[in-house]
Amino acid sequence: MKLHLLGVNGPFPGSGGATSGYLLEAPNTLLQFDMGSGVLSRLTALTAPESLTALFLSHWHFDHAADVPVLMYRLEAMSRVLPVYAPDDPDSALFRTVSSAACFDLKVVKPGDRLTLSDVRITVTAARHPVPAVGFRIFCGGKDLGYTGDTNTLPSLVEDYRGCSLLLADGLFPASAWAEGKPHLSAELAARLAEEAGVGQLVITHLNPVFPCETLLREARNIHQNTRIAHAGEVLEC
């Protein structure tokens, strides 16, 4: 599998950046995970968006789904219907838009759900966020990738991602800015999760431009040495 990092910021982009969006390329399947602001144009530079097998949304906050209504126009122009897998959130205007659009086939998912799309198997994992949210674990060809989406600490995370080849984790905060009531992990906590779960490589993402990446990386590597910071435009083998 190849993971294309299209957008790695949150909750807002840095200059020239984009918020959350990741394209997973498997031999027979093309899956988009989240589609925040600025992601659609970057996806279009790689492939026609209507060629996606499916779109997976971790939740409906704008920094993870803002480009979905724009994608709607593209799909309508191409007379295509795209499956969308996402948590139930009727309070979200975006959720209601996608629910009613003929070009989307919305499939509500919850933690514990197991899906198979051609050569890819996906388990929906739990997340802790102010709105309904999930993460995903993806299996293909003997490799597996975890994506936490947005989450703070949660007892189930270690087992959800145990033994992942690569974990793409929300690690927005430096330790000095994190608190129990925050909606995200710190880089240090993401590294602790990776270490306890026996993860191969940890990739810290959902990067707030306010916080220096050097600090996040240093704090994470103190716990899990095989850690890197996500960079938009990178392609990772997983």
C-alpha atoms as a PDB file:
ATOM      1  CA  MET A   1       0.000   0.000   0.000  1.00  0.00           C
ATOM      2  CA  LYS A   2       1.024   3.598  -0.602  1.00  0.00           C
ATOM      3  CA  LEU A   3      -0.237   6.454   1.551  1.00  0.00           C
ATOM      4  CA  HIS A   4      -0.281   9.884  -0.076  1.00  0.00           C
ATOM      5  CA  LEU A   5      -0.270  12.702   2.495  1.00  0.00           C
ATOM      6  CA  LEU A   6      -2.407  15.362   0.818  1.00  0.00           C
ATOM      7  CA  GLY A   7      -3.175  17.536   3.844  1.00  0.00           C
ATOM      8  CA  VAL A   8      -1.627  17.278   7.305  1.00  0.00           C
ATOM      9  CA  ASN A   9      -2.748  20.411   9.155  1.00  0.00           C
ATOM     10  CA  GLY A  10      -5.559  21.028  11.621  1.00  0.00           C
ATOM     11  CA  PRO A  11      -7.710  22.739  12.643  1.00  0.00           C
ATOM     12  CA  PHE A  12      -6.559  25.267  10.006  1.00  0.00           C
ATOM     13  CA  PRO A  13      -3.854  25.118   7.327  1.00  0.00           C
ATOM     14  CA  GLY A  14      -0.487  26.786   7.277  1.00  0.00           C
ATOM     15  CA  SER A  15       0.474  28.970   4.321  1.00  0.00           C
ATOM     16  CA  GLY A  16       0.011  26.915   1.167  1.00  0.00           C
ATOM     17  CA  GLY A  17      -1.145  23.952   3.237  1.00  0.00           C
ATOM     18  CA  ALA A  18      -4.256  21.850   3.541  1.00  0.00           C
ATOM     19  CA  THR A  19      -6.062  20.216   6.433  1.00  0.00           C
ATOM     20  CA  SER A  20      -6.609  16.485   6.886  1.00  0.00           C
ATOM     21  CA  GLY A  21      -6.645  14.298   3.793  1.00  0.00           C
ATOM     22  CA  TYR A  22      -4.909  10.999   2.958  1.00  0.00           C
ATOM     23  CA  LEU A  23      -5.112   8.894  -0.200  1.00  0.00           C
ATOM     24  CA  LEU A  24      -4.499   5.167   0.219  1.00  0.00           C
ATOM     25  CA  GLU A  25      -3.430   3.339  -2.919  1.00  0.00           C
ATOM     26  CA  ALA A  26      -3.793  -0.441  -2.854  1.00  0.00           C
ATOM     27  CA  PRO A  27      -3.384  -2.768  -5.871  1.00  0.00           C
ATOM     28  CA  ASN A  28      -7.112  -2.823  -6.714  1.00  0.00           C
ATOM     29  CA  THR A  29      -8.526  -0.078  -4.496  1.00  0.00           C
ATOM     30  CA  LEU A  30      -8.224   3.686  -4.118  1.00  0.00           C
ATOM     31  CA  LEU A  31      -9.490   5.053  -0.809  1.00  0.00           C
ATOM     32  CA  GLN A  32      -9.618   8.636   0.423  1.00  0.00           C
ATOM     33  CA  PHE A  33      -9.506   9.204   4.182  1.00  0.00           C
ATOM     34  CA  ASP A  34     -10.885  12.626   5.144  1.00  0.00           C
ATOM     35  CA  MET A  35     -11.176  15.584   2.799  1.00  0.00           C
ATOM     36  CA  GLY A  36     -10.433  18.812   4.609  1.00  0.00           C
ATOM     37  CA  SER A  37      -9.905  22.252   3.116  1.00  0.00           C
ATOM     38  CA  GLY A  38      -7.485  22.260   0.171  1.00  0.00           C
ATOM     39  CA  VAL A  39      -7.417  18.479  -0.209  1.00  0.00           C
ATOM     40  CA  LEU A  40      -9.600  18.089  -3.301  1.00  0.00           C
ATOM     41  CA  SER A  41      -7.252  20.010  -5.604  1.00  0.00           C
ATOM     42  CA  ARG A  42      -4.292  17.950  -4.379  1.00  0.00           C
ATOM     43  CA  LEU A  43      -6.235  14.732  -4.919  1.00  0.00           C
ATOM     44  CA  THR A  44      -7.156  15.880  -8.430  1.00  0.00           C
ATOM     45  CA  ALA A  45      -3.457  16.365  -9.223  1.00  0.00           C
ATOM     46  CA  LEU A  46      -2.983  12.624  -8.608  1.00  0.00           C
ATOM     47  CA  THR A  47      -6.181  11.063  -9.908  1.00  0.00           C
ATOM     48  CA  ALA A  48      -9.699  11.866 -11.046  1.00  0.00           C
ATOM     49  CA  PRO A  49     -11.718  12.089  -7.795  1.00  0.00           C
ATOM     50  CA  GLU A  50     -14.549  10.115  -9.352  1.00  0.00           C
ATOM     51  CA  SER A  51     -12.153   7.166  -9.703  1.00  0.00           C
ATOM     52  CA  LEU A  52     -12.080   6.679  -5.915  1.00  0.00           C
ATOM     53  CA  THR A  53     -13.408   3.385  -4.618  1.00  0.00           C
ATOM     54  CA  ALA A  54     -14.777   5.135  -1.515  1.00  0.00           C
ATOM     55  CA  LEU A  55     -14.373   8.096   0.808  1.00  0.00           C
ATOM     56  CA  PHE A  56     -13.940   7.535   4.564  1.00  0.00           C
ATOM     57  CA  LEU A  57     -14.540  10.382   7.014  1.00  0.00           C
ATOM     58  CA  SER A  58     -13.337  10.159  10.595  1.00  0.00           C
ATOM     59  CA  HIS A  59     -15.868  12.844  11.566  1.00  0.00           C
ATOM     60  CA  TRP A  60     -17.676  15.850  10.151  1.00  0.00           C
ATOM     61  CA  HIS A  61     -15.633  18.805  11.410  1.00  0.00           C
ATOM     62  CA  PHE A  62     -14.764  21.189   8.581  1.00  0.00           C
ATOM     63  CA  ASP A  63     -11.009  20.554   8.769  1.00  0.00           C
ATOM     64  CA  HIS A  64     -11.765  16.926   7.852  1.00  0.00           C
ATOM     65  CA  ALA A  65     -14.692  17.355   5.472  1.00  0.00           C
ATOM     66  CA  ALA A  66     -14.785  20.926   4.109  1.00  0.00           C
ATOM     67  CA  ASP A  67     -14.018  19.885   0.521  1.00  0.00           C
ATOM     68  CA  VAL A  68     -16.776  17.256   0.418  1.00  0.00           C
ATOM     69  CA  PRO A  69     -19.494  19.705  -0.770  1.00  0.00           C
ATOM     70  CA  VAL A  70     -17.142  20.840  -3.564  1.00  0.00           C
ATOM     71  CA  LEU A  71     -16.494  17.213  -4.496  1.00  0.00           C
ATOM     72  CA  MET A  72     -20.274  16.932  -4.859  1.00  0.00           C
ATOM     73  CA  TYR A  73     -20.193  19.272  -7.872  1.00  0.00           C
ATOM     74  CA  ARG A  74     -17.462  17.216  -9.521  1.00  0.00           C
ATOM     75  CA  LEU A  75     -19.369  13.965  -9.022  1.00  0.00           C
ATOM     76  CA  GLU A  76     -22.581  15.484 -10.336  1.00  0.00           C
ATOM     77  CA  ALA A  77     -20.767  16.729 -13.451  1.00  0.00           C
ATOM     78  CA  MET A  78     -19.397  13.235 -14.043  1.00  0.00           C
ATOM     79  CA  SER A  79     -22.689  11.469 -13.189  1.00  0.00           C
ATOM     80  CA  ARG A  80     -20.952   9.353 -10.574  1.00  0.00           C
ATOM     81  CA  VAL A  81     -22.042   8.039  -7.181  1.00  0.00           C
ATOM     82  CA  LEU A  82     -19.367   7.707  -4.486  1.00  0.00           C
ATOM     83  CA  PRO A  83     -19.734   5.551  -1.363  1.00  0.00           C
ATOM     84  CA  VAL A  84     -19.012   7.533   1.819  1.00  0.00           C
ATOM     85  CA  TYR A  85     -18.322   5.772   5.144  1.00  0.00           C
ATOM     86  CA  ALA A  86     -18.653   8.035   8.177  1.00  0.00           C
ATOM     87  CA  PRO A  87     -20.102   8.217  11.701  1.00  0.00           C
ATOM     88  CA  ASP A  88     -23.680   9.251  12.314  1.00  0.00           C
ATOM     89  CA  ASP A  89     -23.942  12.959  13.181  1.00  0.00           C
ATOM     90  CA  PRO A  90     -27.321  14.474  12.234  1.00  0.00           C
ATOM     91  CA  ASP A  91     -26.385  17.699  14.052  1.00  0.00           C
ATOM     92  CA  SER A  92     -23.768  18.360  11.371  1.00  0.00           C
ATOM     93  CA  ALA A  93     -24.829  20.415   8.348  1.00  0.00           C
ATOM     94  CA  LEU A  94     -22.261  18.546   6.251  1.00  0.00           C
ATOM     95  CA  PHE A  95     -23.688  15.206   7.329  1.00  0.00           C
ATOM     96  CA  ARG A  96     -27.156  16.362   6.276  1.00  0.00           C
ATOM     97  CA  THR A  97     -25.834  17.631   2.930  1.00  0.00           C
ATOM     98  CA  VAL A  98     -24.153  14.336   2.109  1.00  0.00           C
ATOM     99  CA  SER A  99     -27.177  12.354   3.333  1.00  0.00           C
ATOM    100  CA  SER A 100     -29.430  14.110   0.836  1.00  0.00           C
ATOM    101  CA  ALA A 101     -27.093  14.326  -2.176  1.00  0.00           C
ATOM    102  CA  ALA A 102     -27.774  11.800  -4.931  1.00  0.00           C
ATOM    103  CA  CYS A 103     -24.075  11.603  -5.844  1.00  0.00           C
ATOM    104  CA  PHE A 104     -23.154  10.197  -2.420  1.00  0.00           C
ATOM    105  CA  ASP A 105     -24.066   6.788  -1.052  1.00  0.00           C
ATOM    106  CA  LEU A 106     -23.681   7.422   2.677  1.00  0.00           C
ATOM    107  CA  LYS A 107     -22.987   4.378   4.829  1.00  0.00           C
ATOM    108  CA  VAL A 108     -22.973   5.103   8.567  1.00  0.00           C
ATOM    109  CA  VAL A 109     -20.254   3.287  10.517  1.00  0.00           C
ATOM    110  CA  LYS A 110     -19.460   2.809  14.197  1.00  0.00           C
ATOM    111  CA  PRO A 111     -16.548   1.375  16.189  1.00  0.00           C
ATOM    112  CA  GLY A 112     -16.247  -2.373  15.726  1.00  0.00           C
ATOM    113  CA  ASP A 113     -17.637  -2.428  12.190  1.00  0.00           C
ATOM    114  CA  ARG A 114     -15.621  -4.521   9.709  1.00  0.00           C
ATOM    115  CA  LEU A 115     -15.662  -3.773   6.000  1.00  0.00           C
ATOM    116  CA  THR A 116     -14.152  -5.375   2.910  1.00  0.00           C
ATOM    117  CA  LEU A 117     -13.572  -3.389  -0.281  1.00  0.00           C
ATOM    118  CA  SER A 118     -11.923  -5.576  -2.907  1.00  0.00           C
ATOM    119  CA  ASP A 119      -8.393  -6.295  -1.613  1.00  0.00           C
ATOM    120  CA  VAL A 120      -8.664  -4.075   1.489  1.00  0.00           C
ATOM    121  CA  ARG A 121     -10.153  -4.911   4.885  1.00  0.00           C
ATOM    122  CA  ILE A 122     -11.035  -2.112   7.286  1.00  0.00           C
ATOM    123  CA  THR A 123     -11.931  -2.143  10.963  1.00  0.00           C
ATOM    124  CA  VAL A 124     -13.601   0.962  12.355  1.00  0.00           C
ATOM    125  CA  THR A 125     -11.991   2.016  15.642  1.00  0.00           C
ATOM    126  CA  ALA A 126     -13.127   4.246  18.492  1.00  0.00           C
ATOM    127  CA  ALA A 127     -12.112   7.870  19.000  1.00  0.00           C
ATOM    128  CA  ARG A 128     -12.693  10.443  21.724  1.00  0.00           C
ATOM    129  CA  HIS A 129     -13.678  13.839  20.326  1.00  0.00           C
ATOM    130  CA  PRO A 130     -16.389  16.460  21.017  1.00  0.00           C
ATOM    131  CA  VAL A 131     -18.497  15.118  18.115  1.00  0.00           C
ATOM    132  CA  PRO A 132     -19.148  11.546  16.910  1.00  0.00           C
ATOM    133  CA  ALA A 133     -15.801  10.363  15.542  1.00  0.00           C
ATOM    134  CA  VAL A 134     -13.995   7.179  14.572  1.00  0.00           C
ATOM    135  CA  GLY A 135     -10.596   5.961  13.455  1.00  0.00           C
ATOM    136  CA  PHE A 136      -9.683   3.208  11.026  1.00  0.00           C
ATOM    137  CA  ARG A 137      -7.350   0.234  10.766  1.00  0.00           C
ATOM    138  CA  ILE A 138      -6.657  -0.904   7.225  1.00  0.00           C
ATOM    139  CA  PHE A 139      -5.299  -4.323   6.179  1.00  0.00           C
ATOM    140  CA  CYS A 140      -3.963  -5.278   2.742  1.00  0.00           C
ATOM    141  CA  GLY A 141      -1.280  -7.643   1.469  1.00  0.00           C
ATOM    142  CA  GLY A 142       0.026  -8.570   4.888  1.00  0.00           C
ATOM    143  CA  LYS A 143       0.542  -4.942   5.948  1.00  0.00           C
ATOM    144  CA  ASP A 144      -1.677  -2.751   8.064  1.00  0.00           C
ATOM    145  CA  LEU A 145      -2.122   0.952   8.665  1.00  0.00           C
ATOM    146  CA  GLY A 146      -3.819   2.686  11.575  1.00  0.00           C
ATOM    147  CA  TYR A 147      -5.369   6.147  11.402  1.00  0.00           C
ATOM    148  CA  THR A 148      -6.630   7.592  14.678  1.00  0.00           C
ATOM    149  CA  GLY A 149      -8.552  10.525  13.221  1.00  0.00           C
ATOM    150  CA  ASP A 150      -8.985  13.158  15.942  1.00  0.00           C
ATOM    151  CA  THR A 151      -8.881  11.729  19.438  1.00  0.00           C
ATOM    152  CA  ASN A 152      -7.738  12.250  22.988  1.00  0.00           C
ATOM    153  CA  THR A 153      -6.767   9.368  25.278  1.00  0.00           C
ATOM    154  CA  LEU A 154      -9.006   6.308  25.220  1.00  0.00           C
ATOM    155  CA  PRO A 155      -8.374   2.908  26.867  1.00  0.00           C
ATOM    156  CA  SER A 156      -9.193   0.951  23.697  1.00  0.00           C
ATOM    157  CA  LEU A 157      -6.604   2.661  21.474  1.00  0.00           C
ATOM    158  CA  VAL A 158      -3.701   0.368  22.374  1.00  0.00           C
ATOM    159  CA  GLU A 159      -5.579  -2.777  21.367  1.00  0.00           C
ATOM    160  CA  ASP A 160      -7.157  -1.083  18.344  1.00  0.00           C
ATOM    161  CA  TYR A 161      -3.725  -0.355  16.870  1.00  0.00           C
ATOM    162  CA  ARG A 162      -1.610  -3.134  18.365  1.00  0.00           C
ATOM    163  CA  GLY A 163       1.115  -4.251  15.982  1.00  0.00           C
ATOM    164  CA  CYS A 164       0.358  -1.748  13.198  1.00  0.00           C
ATOM    165  CA  SER A 165       3.079  -1.439  10.577  1.00  0.00           C
ATOM    166  CA  LEU A 166       2.399   2.299  10.465  1.00  0.00           C
ATOM    167  CA  LEU A 167       0.230   4.485  12.679  1.00  0.00           C
ATOM    168  CA  LEU A 168      -0.928   7.882  11.447  1.00  0.00           C
ATOM    169  CA  ALA A 169      -1.816   9.593  14.698  1.00  0.00           C
ATOM    170  CA  ASP A 170      -3.281  12.852  15.895  1.00  0.00           C
ATOM    171  CA  GLY A 171      -0.480  14.451  17.907  1.00  0.00           C
ATOM    172  CA  LEU A 172      -1.388  18.122  17.699  1.00  0.00           C
ATOM    173  CA  PHE A 173      -0.191  19.383  21.071  1.00  0.00           C
ATOM    174  CA  PRO A 174       3.216  19.730  22.678  1.00  0.00           C
ATOM    175  CA  ALA A 175       3.140  18.422  26.238  1.00  0.00           C
ATOM    176  CA  SER A 176       2.988  21.959  27.674  1.00  0.00           C
ATOM    177  CA  ALA A 177      -0.289  22.718  25.856  1.00  0.00           C
ATOM    178  CA  TRP A 178      -2.108  19.411  26.369  1.00  0.00           C
ATOM    179  CA  ALA A 179      -4.807  18.896  29.011  1.00  0.00           C
ATOM    180  CA  GLU A 180      -7.258  16.098  29.792  1.00  0.00           C
ATOM    181  CA  GLY A 181     -10.178  18.065  28.394  1.00  0.00           C
ATOM    182  CA  LYS A 182      -8.518  18.839  25.043  1.00  0.00           C
ATOM    183  CA  PRO A 183      -9.900  17.281  21.835  1.00  0.00           C
ATOM    184  CA  HIS A 184      -6.544  15.872  20.673  1.00  0.00           C
ATOM    185  CA  LEU A 185      -3.561  13.853  21.800  1.00  0.00           C
ATOM    186  CA  SER A 186      -0.177  15.408  22.383  1.00  0.00           C
ATOM    187  CA  ALA A 187       2.755  14.138  20.327  1.00  0.00           C
ATOM    188  CA  GLU A 188       4.087  12.581  23.534  1.00  0.00           C
ATOM    189  CA  LEU A 189       0.838  10.701  24.147  1.00  0.00           C
ATOM    190  CA  ALA A 190       0.689   9.546  20.526  1.00  0.00           C
ATOM    191  CA  ALA A 191       4.207   8.171  20.966  1.00  0.00           C
ATOM    192  CA  ARG A 192       3.213   6.457  24.194  1.00  0.00           C
ATOM    193  CA  LEU A 193       0.305   4.847  22.348  1.00  0.00           C
ATOM    194  CA  ALA A 194       2.637   3.665  19.581  1.00  0.00           C
ATOM    195  CA  GLU A 195       5.142   2.269  22.075  1.00  0.00           C
ATOM    196  CA  GLU A 196       2.547   0.395  24.132  1.00  0.00           C
ATOM    197  CA  ALA A 197       0.863  -0.965  20.999  1.00  0.00           C
ATOM    198  CA  GLY A 198       4.116  -2.168  19.442  1.00  0.00           C
ATOM    199  CA  VAL A 199       3.661   0.002  16.349  1.00  0.00           C
ATOM    200  CA  GLY A 200       6.376  -0.085  13.704  1.00  0.00           C
ATOM    201  CA  GLN A 201       6.462   3.519  12.493  1.00  0.00           C
ATOM    202  CA  LEU A 202       4.564   6.444  14.027  1.00  0.00           C
ATOM    203  CA  VAL A 203       3.644   9.427  11.855  1.00  0.00           C
ATOM    204  CA  ILE A 204       2.438  12.489  13.764  1.00  0.00           C
ATOM    205  CA  THR A 205      -0.198  14.460  11.876  1.00  0.00           C
ATOM    206  CA  HIS A 206      -3.004  17.019  12.351  1.00  0.00           C
ATOM    207  CA  LEU A 207      -0.306  19.632  12.790  1.00  0.00           C
ATOM    208  CA  ASN A 208      -1.372  23.018  14.124  1.00  0.00           C
ATOM    209  CA  PRO A 209       0.841  25.689  12.478  1.00  0.00           C
ATOM    210  CA  VAL A 210       1.060  27.437  15.860  1.00  0.00           C
ATOM    211  CA  PHE A 211       3.168  24.657  17.408  1.00  0.00           C
ATOM    212  CA  PRO A 212       6.747  23.954  16.204  1.00  0.00           C
ATOM    213  CA  CYS A 213       7.083  20.531  14.603  1.00  0.00           C
ATOM    214  CA  GLU A 214      10.600  20.239  16.055  1.00  0.00           C
ATOM    215  CA  THR A 215       9.136  20.244  19.559  1.00  0.00           C
ATOM    216  CA  LEU A 216       6.526  17.618  18.676  1.00  0.00           C
ATOM    217  CA  LEU A 217       9.129  15.357  17.089  1.00  0.00           C
ATOM    218  CA  ARG A 218      11.565  15.659  19.982  1.00  0.00           C
ATOM    219  CA  GLU A 219       8.913  14.876  22.579  1.00  0.00           C
ATOM    220  CA  ALA A 220       7.614  11.907  20.596  1.00  0.00           C
ATOM    221  CA  ARG A 221      11.057  10.414  19.897  1.00  0.00           C
ATOM    222  CA  ASN A 222      11.882  10.460  23.579  1.00  0.00           C
ATOM    223  CA  ILE A 223       9.305   7.671  23.860  1.00  0.00           C
ATOM    224  CA  HIS A 224       9.050   6.034  20.400  1.00  0.00           C
ATOM    225  CA  GLN A 225      12.228   6.446  18.379  1.00  0.00           C
ATOM    226  CA  ASN A 226      10.749   5.438  15.015  1.00  0.00           C
ATOM    227  CA  THR A 227       8.615   8.569  14.721  1.00  0.00           C
ATOM    228  CA  ARG A 228       8.349  11.128  11.952  1.00  0.00           C
ATOM    229  CA  ILE A 229       6.328  14.262  11.315  1.00  0.00           C
ATOM    230  CA  ALA A 230       3.854  14.153   8.425  1.00  0.00           C
ATOM    231  CA  HIS A 231       4.710  16.380   5.462  1.00  0.00           C
ATOM    232  CA  ALA A 232       2.189  17.221   2.756  1.00  0.00           C
ATOM    233  CA  GLY A 233       3.160  15.685  -0.569  1.00  0.00           C
ATOM    234  CA  GLU A 234       4.975  12.708   0.958  1.00  0.00           C
ATOM    235  CA  VAL A 235       4.193   9.173  -0.161  1.00  0.00           C
ATOM    236  CA  LEU A 236       4.705   6.525   2.518  1.00  0.00           C
ATOM    237  CA  GLU A 237       4.993   2.786   1.959  1.00  0.00           C
ATOM    238  CA  CYS A 238       2.941   0.878   4.498  1.00  0.00           C
END
